[in-house]
Amino acid sequence: MDTDQLIKTLAADNSHRARSVGFVLMLALLAAAPVSLLIFFAELGVRPDVMTAMRNPFFDLKFAVTLALAISAAAVALHLSRPEASLRGFGWYLFIPAGLLVAGISGEMMMPQRAPMMTRLIGNNSRYCLTFIPAISLPLLLAALIGLRHGAPARPALSGAIAGMLSAGLAATLYAAHCTDDSPLFVATWYTLATALMAAVGALVGSRLLRY
């Protein structure tokens, strides 16, 4: 086999492998989703005033932030599943949800406030947030790690951390439908802490499970 043909064969194999990792990751997350949904509906459920809350742009912003986190983390995780990949050129994806939060906080600061800043930041559900986002995330994290094992990440701890962020983004999207704290300050504080916790768990487990 000549050199050109070898290069084409390797490129085709890498392309097929990348698609395979993405496909397995999607299937694994779909398989884990019913478990996370069961936890959500058994313990929390959708907030009773959801139809009214949908008129509040800050309620909608929560979903924009959490979905942006999940999508960005998925893209970075798939990129890192290749052995030669690094975070360079893809890390900025993770700043998209942060940018949305900054925009939301700025918008809220310019509006007439009905509650003090610390009241909006602490909210009424911080303990629930730190409990149930990780709880809902765990099945999704395990699924994400199983999916990424079909790749060959050179930095398993980092890949595991990104998988934790992916699972937290999906779990937080569910939790946001229950949470009555809509302030971007609350989301920036407690959702971020829950995400950081899952990133740490993902890094710890991924450092072993994703090693090859």
C-alpha atoms as a PDB file:
ATOM      1  CA  MET A   1       0.000   0.000   0.000  1.00  0.00           C
ATOM      2  CA  ASP A   2       1.446   3.378  -0.971  1.00  0.00           C
ATOM      3  CA  THR A   3       1.643   6.334   1.395  1.00  0.00           C
ATOM      4  CA  ASP A   4      -1.304   8.235  -0.077  1.00  0.00           C
ATOM      5  CA  GLN A   5      -3.570   5.245   0.216  1.00  0.00           C
ATOM      6  CA  LEU A   6      -2.438   4.648   3.802  1.00  0.00           C
ATOM      7  CA  ILE A   7      -3.233   8.255   4.736  1.00  0.00           C
ATOM      8  CA  LYS A   8      -6.692   7.996   3.161  1.00  0.00           C
ATOM      9  CA  THR A   9      -7.364   4.746   5.010  1.00  0.00           C
ATOM     10  CA  LEU A  10      -6.306   6.195   8.371  1.00  0.00           C
ATOM     11  CA  ALA A  11      -8.350   9.351   7.782  1.00  0.00           C
ATOM     12  CA  ALA A  12     -11.409   7.297   6.919  1.00  0.00           C
ATOM     13  CA  ASP A  13     -10.907   5.167  10.013  1.00  0.00           C
ATOM     14  CA  ASN A  14     -10.617   8.239  12.258  1.00  0.00           C
ATOM     15  CA  SER A  15     -13.730   9.780  10.722  1.00  0.00           C
ATOM     16  CA  HIS A  16     -15.696   6.576  11.223  1.00  0.00           C
ATOM     17  CA  ARG A  17     -14.465   6.313  14.814  1.00  0.00           C
ATOM     18  CA  ALA A  18     -15.531   9.870  15.627  1.00  0.00           C
ATOM     19  CA  ARG A  19     -19.031   9.231  14.293  1.00  0.00           C
ATOM     20  CA  SER A  20     -19.155   5.976  16.236  1.00  0.00           C
ATOM     21  CA  VAL A  21     -18.288   7.681  19.519  1.00  0.00           C
ATOM     22  CA  GLY A  22     -20.985  10.273  18.960  1.00  0.00           C
ATOM     23  CA  PHE A  23     -23.551   7.621  18.114  1.00  0.00           C
ATOM     24  CA  VAL A  24     -22.704   5.498  21.153  1.00  0.00           C
ATOM     25  CA  LEU A  25     -22.742   8.586  23.384  1.00  0.00           C
ATOM     26  CA  MET A  26     -26.210   9.503  22.118  1.00  0.00           C
ATOM     27  CA  LEU A  27     -27.531   5.973  22.661  1.00  0.00           C
ATOM     28  CA  ALA A  28     -26.045   5.810  26.155  1.00  0.00           C
ATOM     29  CA  LEU A  29     -27.598   9.143  27.150  1.00  0.00           C
ATOM     30  CA  LEU A  30     -30.973   8.086  25.741  1.00  0.00           C
ATOM     31  CA  ALA A  31     -30.761   4.862  27.743  1.00  0.00           C
ATOM     32  CA  ALA A  32     -29.994   6.784  30.950  1.00  0.00           C
ATOM     33  CA  ALA A  33     -32.615   9.494  30.380  1.00  0.00           C
ATOM     34  CA  PRO A  34     -35.574   7.477  31.760  1.00  0.00           C
ATOM     35  CA  VAL A  35     -33.705   6.972  35.050  1.00  0.00           C
ATOM     36  CA  SER A  36     -33.059  10.705  35.380  1.00  0.00           C
ATOM     37  CA  LEU A  37     -36.657  11.476  34.411  1.00  0.00           C
ATOM     38  CA  LEU A  38     -37.890   9.022  37.039  1.00  0.00           C
ATOM     39  CA  ILE A  39     -35.808  10.760  39.725  1.00  0.00           C
ATOM     40  CA  PHE A  40     -37.110  14.146  38.608  1.00  0.00           C
ATOM     41  CA  PHE A  41     -40.807  13.272  38.521  1.00  0.00           C
ATOM     42  CA  ALA A  42     -40.698  11.063  41.625  1.00  0.00           C
ATOM     43  CA  GLU A  43     -38.967  13.670  43.792  1.00  0.00           C
ATOM     44  CA  LEU A  44     -39.693  17.052  42.198  1.00  0.00           C
ATOM     45  CA  GLY A  45     -42.004  17.471  39.229  1.00  0.00           C
ATOM     46  CA  VAL A  46     -42.737  20.570  37.184  1.00  0.00           C
ATOM     47  CA  ARG A  47     -43.503  23.728  39.134  1.00  0.00           C
ATOM     48  CA  PRO A  48     -47.265  24.377  39.327  1.00  0.00           C
ATOM     49  CA  ASP A  49     -47.093  27.887  37.859  1.00  0.00           C
ATOM     50  CA  VAL A  50     -45.011  26.882  34.838  1.00  0.00           C
ATOM     51  CA  MET A  51     -47.400  28.422  32.290  1.00  0.00           C
ATOM     52  CA  THR A  52     -47.191  31.788  34.040  1.00  0.00           C
ATOM     53  CA  ALA A  53     -43.443  31.441  34.567  1.00  0.00           C
ATOM     54  CA  MET A  54     -42.903  31.003  30.830  1.00  0.00           C
ATOM     55  CA  ARG A  55     -43.783  34.692  30.420  1.00  0.00           C
ATOM     56  CA  ASN A  56     -40.750  35.596  32.524  1.00  0.00           C
ATOM     57  CA  PRO A  57     -37.647  35.922  30.305  1.00  0.00           C
ATOM     58  CA  PHE A  58     -35.409  34.904  33.199  1.00  0.00           C
ATOM     59  CA  PHE A  59     -37.267  31.594  33.474  1.00  0.00           C
ATOM     60  CA  ASP A  60     -36.591  30.994  29.784  1.00  0.00           C
ATOM     61  CA  LEU A  61     -32.973  32.063  30.247  1.00  0.00           C
ATOM     62  CA  LYS A  62     -32.379  29.165  32.645  1.00  0.00           C
ATOM     63  CA  PHE A  63     -33.092  26.698  29.857  1.00  0.00           C
ATOM     64  CA  ALA A  64     -30.952  28.622  27.379  1.00  0.00           C
ATOM     65  CA  VAL A  65     -28.018  28.468  29.814  1.00  0.00           C
ATOM     66  CA  THR A  66     -28.387  24.802  30.760  1.00  0.00           C
ATOM     67  CA  LEU A  67     -28.906  23.612  27.183  1.00  0.00           C
ATOM     68  CA  ALA A  68     -25.971  25.730  26.004  1.00  0.00           C
ATOM     69  CA  LEU A  69     -23.845  24.053  28.679  1.00  0.00           C
ATOM     70  CA  ALA A  70     -24.978  20.563  27.653  1.00  0.00           C
ATOM     71  CA  ILE A  71     -24.450  21.164  23.929  1.00  0.00           C
ATOM     72  CA  SER A  72     -21.090  22.878  24.398  1.00  0.00           C
ATOM     73  CA  ALA A  73     -19.839  20.152  26.737  1.00  0.00           C
ATOM     74  CA  ALA A  74     -20.995  17.445  24.320  1.00  0.00           C
ATOM     75  CA  ALA A  75     -19.069  19.063  21.475  1.00  0.00           C
ATOM     76  CA  VAL A  76     -15.916  19.388  23.591  1.00  0.00           C
ATOM     77  CA  ALA A  77     -16.248  15.832  24.949  1.00  0.00           C
ATOM     78  CA  LEU A  78     -16.512  14.364  21.439  1.00  0.00           C
ATOM     79  CA  HIS A  79     -13.518  16.397  20.326  1.00  0.00           C
ATOM     80  CA  LEU A  80     -11.456  15.164  23.293  1.00  0.00           C
ATOM     81  CA  SER A  81     -12.391  11.552  22.557  1.00  0.00           C
ATOM     82  CA  ARG A  82      -9.699  11.532  19.863  1.00  0.00           C
ATOM     83  CA  PRO A  83      -6.208  10.623  21.100  1.00  0.00           C
ATOM     84  CA  GLU A  84      -4.492  13.598  19.470  1.00  0.00           C
ATOM     85  CA  ALA A  85      -7.054  16.195  20.585  1.00  0.00           C
ATOM     86  CA  SER A  86      -6.464  19.038  23.008  1.00  0.00           C
ATOM     87  CA  LEU A  87      -8.740  21.680  24.482  1.00  0.00           C
ATOM     88  CA  ARG A  88      -7.225  24.366  22.251  1.00  0.00           C
ATOM     89  CA  GLY A  89      -9.773  25.767  19.826  1.00  0.00           C
ATOM     90  CA  PHE A  90     -12.705  24.103  21.601  1.00  0.00           C
ATOM     91  CA  GLY A  91     -12.455  25.351  25.186  1.00  0.00           C
ATOM     92  CA  TRP A  92     -14.171  28.606  24.299  1.00  0.00           C
ATOM     93  CA  TYR A  93     -17.411  26.664  23.710  1.00  0.00           C
ATOM     94  CA  LEU A  94     -17.720  26.367  27.477  1.00  0.00           C
ATOM     95  CA  PHE A  95     -17.844  30.148  27.799  1.00  0.00           C
ATOM     96  CA  ILE A  96     -21.119  30.328  25.839  1.00  0.00           C
ATOM     97  CA  PRO A  97     -23.372  29.512  28.835  1.00  0.00           C
ATOM     98  CA  ALA A  98     -21.249  31.825  31.002  1.00  0.00           C
ATOM     99  CA  GLY A  99     -21.783  34.622  28.486  1.00  0.00           C
ATOM    100  CA  LEU A 100     -25.543  34.057  28.565  1.00  0.00           C
ATOM    101  CA  LEU A 101     -25.472  34.271  32.346  1.00  0.00           C
ATOM    102  CA  VAL A 102     -23.479  37.497  32.302  1.00  0.00           C
ATOM    103  CA  ALA A 103     -25.977  38.977  29.858  1.00  0.00           C
ATOM    104  CA  GLY A 104     -28.863  37.854  32.073  1.00  0.00           C
ATOM    105  CA  ILE A 105     -27.314  39.266  35.238  1.00  0.00           C
ATOM    106  CA  SER A 106     -26.617  42.552  33.466  1.00  0.00           C
ATOM    107  CA  GLY A 107     -30.201  42.728  32.261  1.00  0.00           C
ATOM    108  CA  GLU A 108     -31.571  41.987  35.718  1.00  0.00           C
ATOM    109  CA  MET A 109     -29.358  44.660  37.277  1.00  0.00           C
ATOM    110  CA  MET A 110     -30.841  47.275  34.964  1.00  0.00           C
ATOM    111  CA  MET A 111     -34.405  46.415  35.969  1.00  0.00           C
ATOM    112  CA  PRO A 112     -36.273  47.780  39.004  1.00  0.00           C
ATOM    113  CA  GLN A 113     -35.658  45.225  41.740  1.00  0.00           C
ATOM    114  CA  ARG A 114     -38.351  43.855  44.010  1.00  0.00           C
ATOM    115  CA  ALA A 115     -35.967  41.906  46.235  1.00  0.00           C
ATOM    116  CA  PRO A 116     -32.470  42.587  47.578  1.00  0.00           C
ATOM    117  CA  MET A 117     -29.528  41.133  45.700  1.00  0.00           C
ATOM    118  CA  MET A 118     -28.632  38.601  48.408  1.00  0.00           C
ATOM    119  CA  THR A 119     -32.232  37.381  48.532  1.00  0.00           C
ATOM    120  CA  ARG A 120     -32.190  36.769  44.779  1.00  0.00           C
ATOM    121  CA  LEU A 121     -28.766  35.100  44.983  1.00  0.00           C
ATOM    122  CA  ILE A 122     -29.607  32.733  47.855  1.00  0.00           C
ATOM    123  CA  GLY A 123     -33.186  32.090  46.729  1.00  0.00           C
ATOM    124  CA  ASN A 124     -35.446  29.456  48.255  1.00  0.00           C
ATOM    125  CA  ASN A 125     -34.126  26.282  46.659  1.00  0.00           C
ATOM    126  CA  SER A 126     -30.342  26.320  46.988  1.00  0.00           C
ATOM    127  CA  ARG A 127     -30.256  23.085  48.977  1.00  0.00           C
ATOM    128  CA  TYR A 128     -32.572  21.370  46.505  1.00  0.00           C
ATOM    129  CA  CYS A 129     -30.429  22.638  43.658  1.00  0.00           C
ATOM    130  CA  LEU A 130     -27.216  21.215  45.118  1.00  0.00           C
ATOM    131  CA  THR A 131     -28.953  17.924  45.905  1.00  0.00           C
ATOM    132  CA  PHE A 132     -31.050  17.142  42.866  1.00  0.00           C
ATOM    133  CA  ILE A 133     -28.939  18.401  39.979  1.00  0.00           C
ATOM    134  CA  PRO A 134     -26.159  15.962  40.985  1.00  0.00           C
ATOM    135  CA  ALA A 135     -28.704  13.201  41.719  1.00  0.00           C
ATOM    136  CA  ILE A 136     -30.332  13.580  38.307  1.00  0.00           C
ATOM    137  CA  SER A 137     -26.888  13.894  36.716  1.00  0.00           C
ATOM    138  CA  LEU A 138     -25.403  10.637  37.983  1.00  0.00           C
ATOM    139  CA  PRO A 139     -27.110   8.248  35.520  1.00  0.00           C
ATOM    140  CA  LEU A 140     -26.292  10.636  32.686  1.00  0.00           C
ATOM    141  CA  LEU A 141     -22.665  10.924  33.782  1.00  0.00           C
ATOM    142  CA  LEU A 142     -22.259   7.160  33.818  1.00  0.00           C
ATOM    143  CA  ALA A 143     -23.831   6.979  30.359  1.00  0.00           C
ATOM    144  CA  ALA A 144     -21.567   9.734  29.026  1.00  0.00           C
ATOM    145  CA  LEU A 145     -18.458   7.986  30.336  1.00  0.00           C
ATOM    146  CA  ILE A 146     -19.568   4.700  28.782  1.00  0.00           C
ATOM    147  CA  GLY A 147     -20.069   6.468  25.470  1.00  0.00           C
ATOM    148  CA  LEU A 148     -16.681   8.200  25.616  1.00  0.00           C
ATOM    149  CA  ARG A 149     -14.932   4.894  26.381  1.00  0.00           C
ATOM    150  CA  HIS A 150     -15.487   4.073  22.710  1.00  0.00           C
ATOM    151  CA  GLY A 151     -13.010   6.816  21.885  1.00  0.00           C
ATOM    152  CA  ALA A 152      -9.403   7.200  22.962  1.00  0.00           C
ATOM    153  CA  PRO A 153      -9.106  10.376  25.054  1.00  0.00           C
ATOM    154  CA  ALA A 154      -5.511  11.324  25.785  1.00  0.00           C
ATOM    155  CA  ARG A 155      -6.569  13.236  28.917  1.00  0.00           C
ATOM    156  CA  PRO A 156      -9.106  11.009  30.678  1.00  0.00           C
ATOM    157  CA  ALA A 157      -9.549  13.218  33.743  1.00  0.00           C
ATOM    158  CA  LEU A 158     -10.308  16.266  31.595  1.00  0.00           C
ATOM    159  CA  SER A 159     -12.666  14.250  29.402  1.00  0.00           C
ATOM    160  CA  GLY A 160     -14.382  12.976  32.537  1.00  0.00           C
ATOM    161  CA  ALA A 161     -14.782  16.522  33.852  1.00  0.00           C
ATOM    162  CA  ILE A 162     -16.380  17.618  30.578  1.00  0.00           C
ATOM    163  CA  ALA A 163     -18.677  14.581  30.743  1.00  0.00           C
ATOM    164  CA  GLY A 164     -19.678  15.760  34.216  1.00  0.00           C
ATOM    165  CA  MET A 165     -20.522  19.180  32.815  1.00  0.00           C
ATOM    166  CA  LEU A 166     -22.551  17.561  30.041  1.00  0.00           C
ATOM    167  CA  SER A 167     -24.551  15.505  32.523  1.00  0.00           C
ATOM    168  CA  ALA A 168     -25.057  18.527  34.788  1.00  0.00           C
ATOM    169  CA  GLY A 169     -26.296  20.626  31.869  1.00  0.00           C
ATOM    170  CA  LEU A 170     -28.910  18.022  30.967  1.00  0.00           C
ATOM    171  CA  ALA A 171     -29.913  17.482  34.600  1.00  0.00           C
ATOM    172  CA  ALA A 172     -30.127  21.227  35.251  1.00  0.00           C
ATOM    173  CA  THR A 173     -32.445  21.572  32.250  1.00  0.00           C
ATOM    174  CA  LEU A 174     -34.839  19.192  33.989  1.00  0.00           C
ATOM    175  CA  TYR A 175     -34.367  20.810  37.371  1.00  0.00           C
ATOM    176  CA  ALA A 176     -35.030  24.274  35.923  1.00  0.00           C
ATOM    177  CA  ALA A 177     -38.604  23.211  35.189  1.00  0.00           C
ATOM    178  CA  HIS A 178     -39.113  22.683  38.922  1.00  0.00           C
ATOM    179  CA  CYS A 179     -37.032  25.527  40.366  1.00  0.00           C
ATOM    180  CA  THR A 180     -38.967  28.656  41.327  1.00  0.00           C
ATOM    181  CA  ASP A 181     -35.794  30.748  41.630  1.00  0.00           C
ATOM    182  CA  ASP A 182     -35.463  32.423  38.246  1.00  0.00           C
ATOM    183  CA  SER A 183     -32.865  35.079  39.026  1.00  0.00           C
ATOM    184  CA  PRO A 184     -29.692  34.769  36.909  1.00  0.00           C
ATOM    185  CA  LEU A 185     -27.772  35.431  40.135  1.00  0.00           C
ATOM    186  CA  PHE A 186     -29.219  32.248  41.637  1.00  0.00           C
ATOM    187  CA  VAL A 187     -28.456  30.252  38.493  1.00  0.00           C
ATOM    188  CA  ALA A 188     -24.919  31.614  38.302  1.00  0.00           C
ATOM    189  CA  THR A 189     -24.264  30.624  41.912  1.00  0.00           C
ATOM    190  CA  TRP A 190     -26.032  27.347  42.654  1.00  0.00           C
ATOM    191  CA  TYR A 191     -26.302  25.787  39.215  1.00  0.00           C
ATOM    192  CA  THR A 192     -22.615  26.528  38.754  1.00  0.00           C
ATOM    193  CA  LEU A 193     -21.707  24.910  42.082  1.00  0.00           C
ATOM    194  CA  ALA A 194     -23.722  21.806  41.174  1.00  0.00           C
ATOM    195  CA  THR A 195     -21.999  21.691  37.788  1.00  0.00           C
ATOM    196  CA  ALA A 196     -18.575  22.056  39.390  1.00  0.00           C
ATOM    197  CA  LEU A 197     -19.388  19.158  41.713  1.00  0.00           C
ATOM    198  CA  MET A 198     -20.314  16.922  38.784  1.00  0.00           C
ATOM    199  CA  ALA A 199     -17.207  18.020  36.887  1.00  0.00           C
ATOM    200  CA  ALA A 200     -15.097  16.947  39.881  1.00  0.00           C
ATOM    201  CA  VAL A 201     -16.880  13.585  40.096  1.00  0.00           C
ATOM    202  CA  GLY A 202     -16.490  13.127  36.360  1.00  0.00           C
ATOM    203  CA  ALA A 203     -12.783  13.910  36.505  1.00  0.00           C
ATOM    204  CA  LEU A 204     -12.267  11.445  39.357  1.00  0.00           C
ATOM    205  CA  VAL A 205     -14.164   8.589  37.710  1.00  0.00           C
ATOM    206  CA  GLY A 206     -13.041   9.441  34.197  1.00  0.00           C
ATOM    207  CA  SER A 207      -9.378   9.383  35.174  1.00  0.00           C
ATOM    208  CA  ARG A 208      -9.788   5.641  35.669  1.00  0.00           C
ATOM    209  CA  LEU A 209     -12.669   4.651  33.433  1.00  0.00           C
ATOM    210  CA  LEU A 210     -11.440   6.497  30.337  1.00  0.00           C
ATOM    211  CA  ARG A 211      -7.789   5.491  30.641  1.00  0.00           C
ATOM    212  CA  TYR A 212      -6.505   3.314  27.818  1.00  0.00           C
END
